[in-house]
Amino acid sequence: MTRFLFVIPLLLMTSAASAEQKQGHDACARDVSRFCRAQMNDGDQIVLACLQQNRSRISKPCQQTLAAHGR
């Protein structure tokens, strides 16, 4: 029973992190396709660098997402 009670909070934390990641993806999806289309298949770090290079041009929600994640 104790093991079961430990697993539930772990699952809730995992799903919350997954939901947050999806929101970040949704916030920046249009900006990625607009400014970083050429880098889309090069990996997440390359796309992130592209978004950072275009920070002044990307949408406010995407800028907020980057700032919230320390980027």
N, C-alpha and C. Protein backbone atom coordinates (compact mmCIF):
# COMPACT_ATOMS: atom_id res chain seq x y z
N MET A 1 0.82 -1.19 0.00
CA MET A 1 0.00 0.00 0.00
C MET A 1 0.87 1.26 0.00
N THR A 2 1.94 1.26 0.78
CA THR A 2 2.83 2.42 0.85
C THR A 2 3.47 2.68 -0.50
N ARG A 3 3.85 1.63 -1.17
CA ARG A 3 4.45 1.75 -2.49
C ARG A 3 3.47 2.42 -3.46
N PHE A 4 2.21 2.04 -3.40
CA PHE A 4 1.17 2.61 -4.25
C PHE A 4 1.01 4.10 -3.98
N LEU A 5 1.05 4.51 -2.71
CA LEU A 5 0.90 5.92 -2.36
C LEU A 5 2.09 6.75 -2.83
N PHE A 6 3.24 6.13 -2.97
CA PHE A 6 4.43 6.83 -3.46
C PHE A 6 4.35 7.04 -4.97
N VAL A 7 3.77 6.10 -5.69
CA VAL A 7 3.71 6.14 -7.15
C VAL A 7 2.76 7.23 -7.65
N ILE A 8 1.66 7.46 -6.97
CA ILE A 8 0.66 8.43 -7.42
C ILE A 8 1.24 9.84 -7.54
N PRO A 9 1.92 10.39 -6.52
CA PRO A 9 2.50 11.73 -6.69
C PRO A 9 3.55 11.78 -7.80
N LEU A 10 4.30 10.69 -7.95
CA LEU A 10 5.31 10.63 -9.01
C LEU A 10 4.65 10.73 -10.38
N LEU A 11 3.55 10.02 -10.57
CA LEU A 11 2.83 10.09 -11.84
C LEU A 11 2.23 11.48 -12.07
N LEU A 12 1.72 12.09 -11.03
CA LEU A 12 1.14 13.43 -11.16
C LEU A 12 2.21 14.45 -11.55
N MET A 13 3.40 14.35 -10.96
CA MET A 13 4.48 15.28 -11.31
C MET A 13 4.91 15.08 -12.75
N THR A 14 4.99 13.84 -13.20
CA THR A 14 5.39 13.54 -14.57
C THR A 14 4.39 14.10 -15.56
N SER A 15 3.09 13.92 -15.29
CA SER A 15 2.09 14.44 -16.22
C SER A 15 2.03 15.95 -16.21
N ALA A 16 2.31 16.59 -15.09
CA ALA A 16 2.34 18.06 -15.04
C ALA A 16 3.50 18.58 -15.87
N ALA A 17 4.65 17.94 -15.78
CA ALA A 17 5.81 18.36 -16.58
C ALA A 17 5.54 18.16 -18.06
N SER A 18 4.87 17.08 -18.41
CA SER A 18 4.53 16.82 -19.80
C SER A 18 3.55 17.87 -20.33
N ALA A 19 2.58 18.25 -19.54
CA ALA A 19 1.62 19.27 -19.95
C ALA A 19 2.30 20.62 -20.13
N GLU A 20 3.24 20.94 -19.24
CA GLU A 20 3.98 22.20 -19.34
C GLU A 20 4.82 22.22 -20.61
N GLN A 21 5.44 21.09 -20.93
CA GLN A 21 6.26 21.01 -22.14
C GLN A 21 5.38 21.19 -23.38
N LYS A 22 4.19 20.61 -23.39
CA LYS A 22 3.28 20.75 -24.53
C LYS A 22 2.86 22.21 -24.70
N GLN A 23 2.58 22.90 -23.59
CA GLN A 23 2.19 24.30 -23.67
C GLN A 23 3.33 25.13 -24.26
N GLY A 24 4.57 24.82 -23.86
CA GLY A 24 5.72 25.53 -24.40
C GLY A 24 5.87 25.27 -25.89
N HIS A 25 5.64 24.04 -26.28
CA HIS A 25 5.70 23.69 -27.69
C HIS A 25 4.63 24.44 -28.46
N ASP A 26 3.42 24.47 -27.93
CA ASP A 26 2.32 25.17 -28.59
C ASP A 26 2.60 26.67 -28.70
N ALA A 27 3.20 27.24 -27.66
CA ALA A 27 3.47 28.68 -27.66
C ALA A 27 4.49 29.07 -28.72
N CYS A 28 5.39 28.17 -29.05
CA CYS A 28 6.48 28.50 -29.97
C CYS A 28 6.36 27.83 -31.35
N ALA A 29 5.37 26.99 -31.54
CA ALA A 29 5.27 26.23 -32.79
C ALA A 29 5.21 27.15 -34.02
N ARG A 30 4.40 28.18 -33.96
CA ARG A 30 4.28 29.09 -35.10
C ARG A 30 5.59 29.83 -35.34
N ASP A 31 6.26 30.25 -34.27
CA ASP A 31 7.53 30.96 -34.40
C ASP A 31 8.61 30.05 -34.99
N VAL A 32 8.61 28.79 -34.58
CA VAL A 32 9.58 27.85 -35.14
C VAL A 32 9.35 27.69 -36.63
N SER A 33 8.11 27.50 -37.03
CA SER A 33 7.83 27.31 -38.46
C SER A 33 8.09 28.59 -39.26
N ARG A 34 7.99 29.72 -38.60
CA ARG A 34 8.19 31.00 -39.29
C ARG A 34 9.67 31.39 -39.40
N PHE A 35 10.41 31.25 -38.31
CA PHE A 35 11.78 31.75 -38.27
C PHE A 35 12.85 30.66 -38.33
N CYS A 36 12.48 29.44 -38.00
CA CYS A 36 13.49 28.38 -37.86
C CYS A 36 13.16 27.14 -38.68
N ARG A 37 12.42 27.33 -39.75
CA ARG A 37 12.00 26.19 -40.58
C ARG A 37 13.20 25.37 -41.07
N ALA A 38 14.27 26.02 -41.45
CA ALA A 38 15.45 25.32 -41.98
C ALA A 38 16.12 24.44 -40.92
N GLN A 39 15.93 24.76 -39.64
CA GLN A 39 16.58 24.02 -38.57
C GLN A 39 15.67 22.99 -37.91
N MET A 40 14.44 22.87 -38.35
CA MET A 40 13.46 22.02 -37.67
C MET A 40 13.91 20.57 -37.54
N ASN A 41 14.67 20.06 -38.48
CA ASN A 41 15.09 18.66 -38.44
C ASN A 41 16.48 18.48 -37.83
N ASP A 42 17.05 19.56 -37.31
CA ASP A 42 18.41 19.50 -36.78
C ASP A 42 18.48 19.24 -35.28
N GLY A 43 17.35 19.14 -34.63
CA GLY A 43 17.33 18.84 -33.19
C GLY A 43 16.85 20.02 -32.37
N ASP A 44 16.42 19.71 -31.17
CA ASP A 44 15.82 20.71 -30.28
C ASP A 44 16.79 21.83 -29.91
N GLN A 45 18.04 21.49 -29.66
CA GLN A 45 19.00 22.52 -29.23
C GLN A 45 19.27 23.52 -30.34
N ILE A 46 19.29 23.06 -31.58
CA ILE A 46 19.51 23.96 -32.72
C ILE A 46 18.30 24.87 -32.90
N VAL A 47 17.10 24.31 -32.76
CA VAL A 47 15.88 25.12 -32.87
C VAL A 47 15.83 26.14 -31.74
N LEU A 48 16.20 25.72 -30.55
CA LEU A 48 16.22 26.63 -29.41
C LEU A 48 17.20 27.78 -29.66
N ALA A 49 18.36 27.47 -30.19
CA ALA A 49 19.34 28.51 -30.52
C ALA A 49 18.78 29.47 -31.56
N CYS A 50 18.06 28.94 -32.53
CA CYS A 50 17.44 29.78 -33.56
C CYS A 50 16.40 30.72 -32.93
N LEU A 51 15.58 30.18 -32.04
CA LEU A 51 14.58 31.02 -31.37
C LEU A 51 15.26 32.12 -30.56
N GLN A 52 16.35 31.78 -29.90
CA GLN A 52 17.07 32.78 -29.11
C GLN A 52 17.68 33.86 -30.01
N GLN A 53 18.15 33.47 -31.19
CA GLN A 53 18.70 34.45 -32.13
C GLN A 53 17.63 35.39 -32.66
N ASN A 54 16.40 34.89 -32.71
CA ASN A 54 15.29 35.68 -33.23
C ASN A 54 14.36 36.17 -32.12
N ARG A 55 14.87 36.25 -30.91
CA ARG A 55 14.05 36.58 -29.74
C ARG A 55 13.23 37.86 -29.93
N SER A 56 13.81 38.87 -30.55
CA SER A 56 13.08 40.14 -30.71
C SER A 56 11.94 40.02 -31.72
N ARG A 57 11.94 38.97 -32.52
CA ARG A 57 10.92 38.81 -33.56
C ARG A 57 9.85 37.80 -33.19
N ILE A 58 10.11 36.94 -32.20
CA ILE A 58 9.14 35.89 -31.88
C ILE A 58 7.99 36.44 -31.02
N SER A 59 6.92 35.67 -30.95
CA SER A 59 5.71 36.10 -30.23
C SER A 59 5.98 36.22 -28.73
N LYS A 60 5.16 37.02 -28.08
CA LYS A 60 5.27 37.22 -26.63
C LYS A 60 5.10 35.90 -25.86
N PRO A 61 4.11 35.05 -26.20
CA PRO A 61 3.98 33.79 -25.46
C PRO A 61 5.23 32.90 -25.58
N CYS A 62 5.84 32.90 -26.75
CA CYS A 62 7.07 32.11 -26.92
C CYS A 62 8.21 32.74 -26.13
N GLN A 63 8.32 34.06 -26.14
CA GLN A 63 9.35 34.72 -25.34
C GLN A 63 9.17 34.41 -23.86
N GLN A 64 7.92 34.40 -23.40
CA GLN A 64 7.64 34.09 -21.99
C GLN A 64 7.99 32.65 -21.67
N THR A 65 7.73 31.74 -22.60
CA THR A 65 8.07 30.34 -22.39
C THR A 65 9.58 30.17 -22.28
N LEU A 66 10.32 30.81 -23.16
CA LEU A 66 11.78 30.73 -23.10
C LEU A 66 12.29 31.31 -21.77
N ALA A 67 11.75 32.43 -21.37
CA ALA A 67 12.18 33.08 -20.12
C ALA A 67 11.84 32.19 -18.91
N ALA A 68 10.68 31.55 -18.94
CA ALA A 68 10.27 30.69 -17.83
C ALA A 68 11.19 29.48 -17.68
N HIS A 69 11.84 29.10 -18.77
CA HIS A 69 12.75 27.94 -18.74
C HIS A 69 14.22 28.38 -18.68
N GLY A 70 14.43 29.64 -18.36
CA GLY A 70 15.79 30.13 -18.18
C GLY A 70 16.58 30.29 -19.46
N ARG A 71 15.91 30.54 -20.54
CA ARG A 71 16.60 30.69 -21.84
C ARG A 71 16.57 32.11 -22.30
